[in-house]
């Protein structure tokens, strides 16, 4: 019961901190789910750490630890939420977590977010000429927009993955997808070198049974992580 009170108080802080900022004019995505998750996790961890520290006034330390943990966790969460919206605005789109967005052939760029990362899908047709790893002019402009934003977030961990359809040999497609990922990564290397991977025809988002679907599978994905330990294999 002694521990429960400061944790409850820390939980109240979650809602106070989670509702203290509303970006004016923002229409892309105001849910800030990562912020809320970060605050909650930080509050609980901070409260437990404060309570378990040796000494007197454990309840006060737990409350203080919860508040500090909530603030730290919320800052990380909001950082990613803010990035998602800023990236989407810069690229002339919105943030969409609708799975069907990635299957819409009319969308050259799709920005989505999860609790661990922001993902940007760049369609092959606006990025590269057939069989080439060289960025087209408009694509270079778009990727440079993301690079400019990343300068404001030096702690962001960046991953870049290239994908192809199933036309041609797996080995050829793997090399091409790696070269394309490297091309994008070279522009995004403003704070540190991004992690890159060529995924060839792996992790297709649509069946490779017609030209439209194959075009959906030819893409480059950029991942923006707040925590390096949360990174996963983009090819699986």
Protein backbone atom coordinates (compact mmCIF):
# COMPACT_ATOMS: atom_id res chain seq x y z
CA UNK A 1 0.00 0.00 0.00
CA UNK A 2 2.90 2.34 0.79
CA UNK A 3 4.27 1.78 -2.69
CA UNK A 4 0.85 2.00 -4.33
CA UNK A 5 0.21 5.62 -3.29
CA UNK A 6 3.26 7.15 -4.97
CA UNK A 7 2.67 5.05 -8.07
CA UNK A 8 -0.89 6.34 -8.27
CA UNK A 9 0.44 9.85 -7.89
CA UNK A 10 2.94 9.17 -10.66
CA UNK A 11 0.11 7.90 -12.84
CA UNK A 12 -1.71 11.19 -12.35
CA UNK A 13 1.48 12.86 -13.56
CA UNK A 14 1.25 10.73 -16.69
CA UNK A 15 -2.00 12.40 -17.67
CA UNK A 16 -0.77 15.85 -16.65
CA UNK A 17 2.40 15.52 -18.70
CA UNK A 18 0.65 13.78 -21.56
CA UNK A 19 -1.84 16.61 -21.99
CA UNK A 20 0.42 19.61 -21.51
CA UNK A 21 1.29 20.15 -25.18
CA UNK A 22 -0.87 20.47 -28.25
CA UNK A 23 0.98 21.47 -31.38
CA UNK A 24 -1.05 24.26 -33.06
CA UNK A 25 -2.35 23.62 -36.56
CA UNK A 26 -1.28 19.96 -36.52
CA UNK A 27 -3.63 17.79 -38.52
CA UNK A 28 -1.49 14.78 -39.38
CA UNK A 29 -1.64 12.80 -36.13
CA UNK A 30 -2.39 14.03 -32.64
CA UNK A 31 -2.71 10.69 -30.86
CA UNK A 32 0.84 10.73 -29.39
CA UNK A 33 0.50 7.10 -28.34
CA UNK A 34 4.27 6.73 -27.95
CA UNK A 35 4.33 9.71 -25.65
CA UNK A 36 1.70 8.21 -23.38
CA UNK A 37 3.45 4.84 -23.38
CA UNK A 38 6.82 6.43 -22.61
CA UNK A 39 5.40 8.46 -19.74
CA UNK A 40 3.65 5.46 -18.20
CA UNK A 41 6.70 3.20 -18.45
CA UNK A 42 9.00 5.91 -17.13
CA UNK A 43 6.71 6.69 -14.21
CA UNK A 44 6.48 3.07 -13.10
CA UNK A 45 10.21 2.45 -13.44
CA UNK A 46 11.06 5.66 -11.63
CA UNK A 47 8.64 4.97 -8.80
CA UNK A 48 9.98 1.45 -8.25
CA UNK A 49 13.58 2.64 -8.35
CA UNK A 50 12.87 5.43 -5.89
CA UNK A 51 11.04 3.10 -3.50
CA UNK A 52 13.76 0.44 -3.55
CA UNK A 53 16.59 2.90 -2.86
CA UNK A 54 17.99 2.54 0.65
CA UNK A 55 17.15 5.18 3.23
CA UNK A 56 14.14 6.92 4.77
CA UNK A 57 11.15 8.59 3.10
CA UNK A 58 10.66 5.84 0.55
CA UNK A 59 7.23 7.14 -0.39
CA UNK A 60 8.60 10.59 -1.22
CA UNK A 61 11.48 9.11 -3.20
CA UNK A 62 9.08 6.86 -5.11
CA UNK A 63 6.89 9.84 -6.00
CA UNK A 64 9.87 11.91 -7.08
CA UNK A 65 11.29 8.98 -9.05
CA UNK A 66 7.93 8.47 -10.73
CA UNK A 67 7.68 12.10 -11.76
CA UNK A 68 11.23 12.17 -13.10
CA UNK A 69 10.73 8.86 -14.88
CA UNK A 70 7.49 10.07 -16.42
CA UNK A 71 9.16 13.21 -17.69
CA UNK A 72 12.07 11.26 -19.19
CA UNK A 73 9.84 8.62 -20.77
CA UNK A 74 7.49 11.24 -22.16
CA UNK A 75 10.36 13.17 -23.70
CA UNK A 76 11.51 10.10 -25.62
CA UNK A 77 7.99 9.30 -26.77
CA UNK A 78 7.20 12.85 -27.80
CA UNK A 79 10.47 13.07 -29.67
CA UNK A 80 9.37 10.23 -31.97
CA UNK A 81 5.81 11.54 -32.27
CA UNK A 82 7.12 14.95 -33.22
CA UNK A 83 9.48 13.45 -35.78
CA UNK A 84 6.66 11.52 -37.42
CA UNK A 85 4.56 14.62 -37.89
CA UNK A 86 7.44 16.81 -39.00
CA UNK A 87 8.67 14.25 -41.50
CA UNK A 88 5.16 13.80 -42.91
CA UNK A 89 4.69 17.55 -43.29
CA UNK A 90 8.07 17.97 -44.98
CA UNK A 91 7.24 15.20 -47.45
CA UNK A 92 3.81 16.62 -48.24
CA UNK A 93 1.79 13.84 -46.65
CA UNK A 94 0.32 12.77 -43.31
CA UNK A 95 0.98 10.07 -40.75
CA UNK A 96 -1.07 6.94 -41.47
CA UNK A 97 -1.03 3.64 -39.60
CA UNK A 98 -3.68 2.17 -41.87
CA UNK A 99 -2.18 -1.07 -43.30
CA UNK A 100 -3.94 -0.34 -46.59
CA UNK A 101 -1.90 2.84 -47.06
CA UNK A 102 1.15 0.78 -48.02
CA UNK A 103 -0.97 -0.99 -50.65
CA UNK A 104 -2.24 2.19 -52.30
CA UNK A 105 -0.38 2.58 -55.62
CA UNK A 106 -1.27 6.28 -55.73
CA UNK A 107 0.88 7.01 -52.69
CA UNK A 108 4.57 7.46 -53.48
CA UNK A 109 5.41 8.11 -49.82
CA UNK A 110 3.84 6.57 -46.71
CA UNK A 111 4.77 7.73 -43.19
CA UNK A 112 3.66 5.59 -40.26
CA UNK A 113 4.64 5.16 -36.62
CA UNK A 114 4.80 2.40 -34.03
CA UNK A 115 5.72 2.50 -30.33
CA UNK A 116 9.37 1.90 -31.32
CA UNK A 117 10.00 3.74 -34.58
CA UNK A 118 8.80 6.00 -37.35
CA UNK A 119 8.78 4.38 -40.81
CA UNK A 120 8.93 6.09 -44.19
CA UNK A 121 8.18 4.10 -47.34
CA UNK A 122 9.57 5.57 -50.55
CA UNK A 123 8.13 3.97 -53.68
CA UNK A 124 10.59 2.75 -56.27
CA UNK A 125 8.86 4.54 -59.16
CA UNK A 126 9.61 7.97 -57.71
CA UNK A 127 13.06 7.00 -56.46
CA UNK A 128 15.05 5.18 -59.14
CA UNK A 129 15.11 4.42 -62.83
CA UNK A 130 14.69 0.74 -63.63
CA UNK A 131 17.69 -1.27 -62.47
CA UNK A 132 19.52 1.82 -61.21
CA UNK A 133 20.71 2.72 -57.68
CA UNK A 134 20.94 6.43 -58.59
CA UNK A 135 18.29 8.68 -57.08
CA UNK A 136 16.13 10.72 -59.41
CA UNK A 137 16.09 14.49 -58.84
CA UNK A 138 12.72 14.72 -57.06
CA UNK A 139 13.55 11.72 -54.89
CA UNK A 140 16.87 13.27 -53.86
CA UNK A 141 15.00 16.44 -52.90
CA UNK A 142 12.59 14.44 -50.72
CA UNK A 143 15.31 12.44 -48.98
CA UNK A 144 17.26 15.65 -48.33
CA UNK A 145 14.16 17.00 -46.57
CA UNK A 146 14.37 14.09 -44.13
CA UNK A 147 18.13 14.62 -43.69
CA UNK A 148 17.55 18.27 -42.79
CA UNK A 149 15.05 17.28 -40.11
CA UNK A 150 17.40 14.65 -38.68
CA UNK A 151 19.93 17.35 -37.85
CA UNK A 152 17.53 18.45 -35.12
CA UNK A 153 17.44 14.94 -33.63
CA UNK A 154 21.06 13.82 -33.16
CA UNK A 155 20.03 10.90 -30.92
CA UNK A 156 17.84 9.28 -33.57
CA UNK A 157 19.08 5.91 -34.83
CA UNK A 158 18.43 5.52 -38.55
CA UNK A 159 17.95 2.30 -40.50
CA UNK A 160 17.51 2.03 -44.27
CA UNK A 161 16.34 -1.07 -46.15
CA UNK A 162 15.94 -1.67 -49.88
CA UNK A 163 13.39 -4.05 -51.41
CA UNK A 164 12.73 -5.38 -54.92
CA UNK A 165 10.12 -7.52 -56.61
CA UNK A 166 10.82 -11.14 -57.64
CA UNK A 167 11.83 -10.40 -61.22
CA UNK A 168 15.41 -11.46 -61.91
CA UNK A 169 17.72 -13.51 -59.71
CA UNK A 170 17.66 -13.24 -55.95
CA UNK A 171 21.39 -12.40 -55.87
CA UNK A 172 21.03 -9.58 -58.41
CA UNK A 173 18.08 -8.13 -56.53
CA UNK A 174 19.92 -8.36 -53.24
CA UNK A 175 22.84 -6.33 -54.61
CA UNK A 176 20.51 -3.77 -56.19
CA UNK A 177 18.44 -3.38 -53.03
CA UNK A 178 21.62 -2.94 -50.96
CA UNK A 179 22.97 -0.29 -53.35
CA UNK A 180 19.69 1.61 -53.22
CA UNK A 181 19.64 1.48 -49.43
CA UNK A 182 23.22 2.77 -49.39
CA UNK A 183 22.32 5.64 -51.74
CA UNK A 184 19.59 6.84 -49.39
CA UNK A 185 21.74 6.23 -46.30
CA UNK A 186 24.53 8.40 -47.72
CA UNK A 187 22.18 11.38 -47.72
CA UNK A 188 20.75 10.62 -44.28
CA UNK A 189 24.20 10.26 -42.66
CA UNK A 190 24.01 13.69 -41.00
CA UNK A 191 24.57 12.56 -37.40
CA UNK A 192 25.95 9.05 -37.81
CA UNK A 193 26.03 6.36 -40.45
CA UNK A 194 22.61 4.68 -40.81
CA UNK A 195 22.30 0.91 -40.64
CA UNK A 196 21.56 -0.43 -44.13
CA UNK A 197 20.34 -3.72 -45.50
CA UNK A 198 19.37 -5.05 -48.91
CA UNK A 199 16.35 -7.31 -48.59
CA UNK A 200 16.01 -8.37 -52.23
CA UNK A 201 12.50 -9.79 -52.74
CA UNK A 202 12.00 -10.66 -49.05
CA UNK A 203 9.09 -9.24 -47.06
CA UNK A 204 6.89 -8.48 -50.03
CA UNK A 205 3.90 -6.33 -49.07
CA UNK A 206 1.84 -7.63 -52.00
CA UNK A 207 1.85 -10.81 -54.12
CA UNK A 208 4.26 -10.52 -57.05
CA UNK A 209 1.53 -11.57 -59.47
CA UNK A 210 1.06 -8.42 -61.57
CA UNK A 211 2.83 -5.19 -62.50
CA UNK A 212 0.94 -3.07 -59.96
CA UNK A 213 1.81 -5.33 -57.05
CA UNK A 214 5.42 -5.70 -58.12
CA UNK A 215 5.70 -1.91 -58.15
CA UNK A 216 4.44 -1.83 -54.54
CA UNK A 217 7.17 -4.26 -53.50
CA UNK A 218 9.94 -2.15 -55.06
CA UNK A 219 10.64 0.35 -52.31
CA UNK A 220 13.08 1.81 -49.81
CA UNK A 221 12.08 1.98 -46.16
CA UNK A 222 13.63 4.38 -43.66
CA UNK A 223 13.30 3.68 -39.93
CA UNK A 224 13.81 6.28 -37.20
CA UNK A 225 14.44 4.73 -33.77
CA UNK A 226 14.79 6.39 -30.37
CA UNK A 227 16.47 3.28 -28.94
CA UNK A 228 19.12 1.25 -30.78
CA UNK A 229 18.08 -1.83 -28.77
CA UNK A 230 14.62 -1.71 -30.37
CA UNK A 231 15.97 -2.21 -33.87
CA UNK A 232 14.80 -5.31 -35.73
CA UNK A 233 15.63 -7.02 -39.02
CA UNK A 234 13.70 -5.13 -41.73
CA UNK A 235 13.90 -8.11 -44.10
CA UNK A 236 11.81 -10.37 -41.85
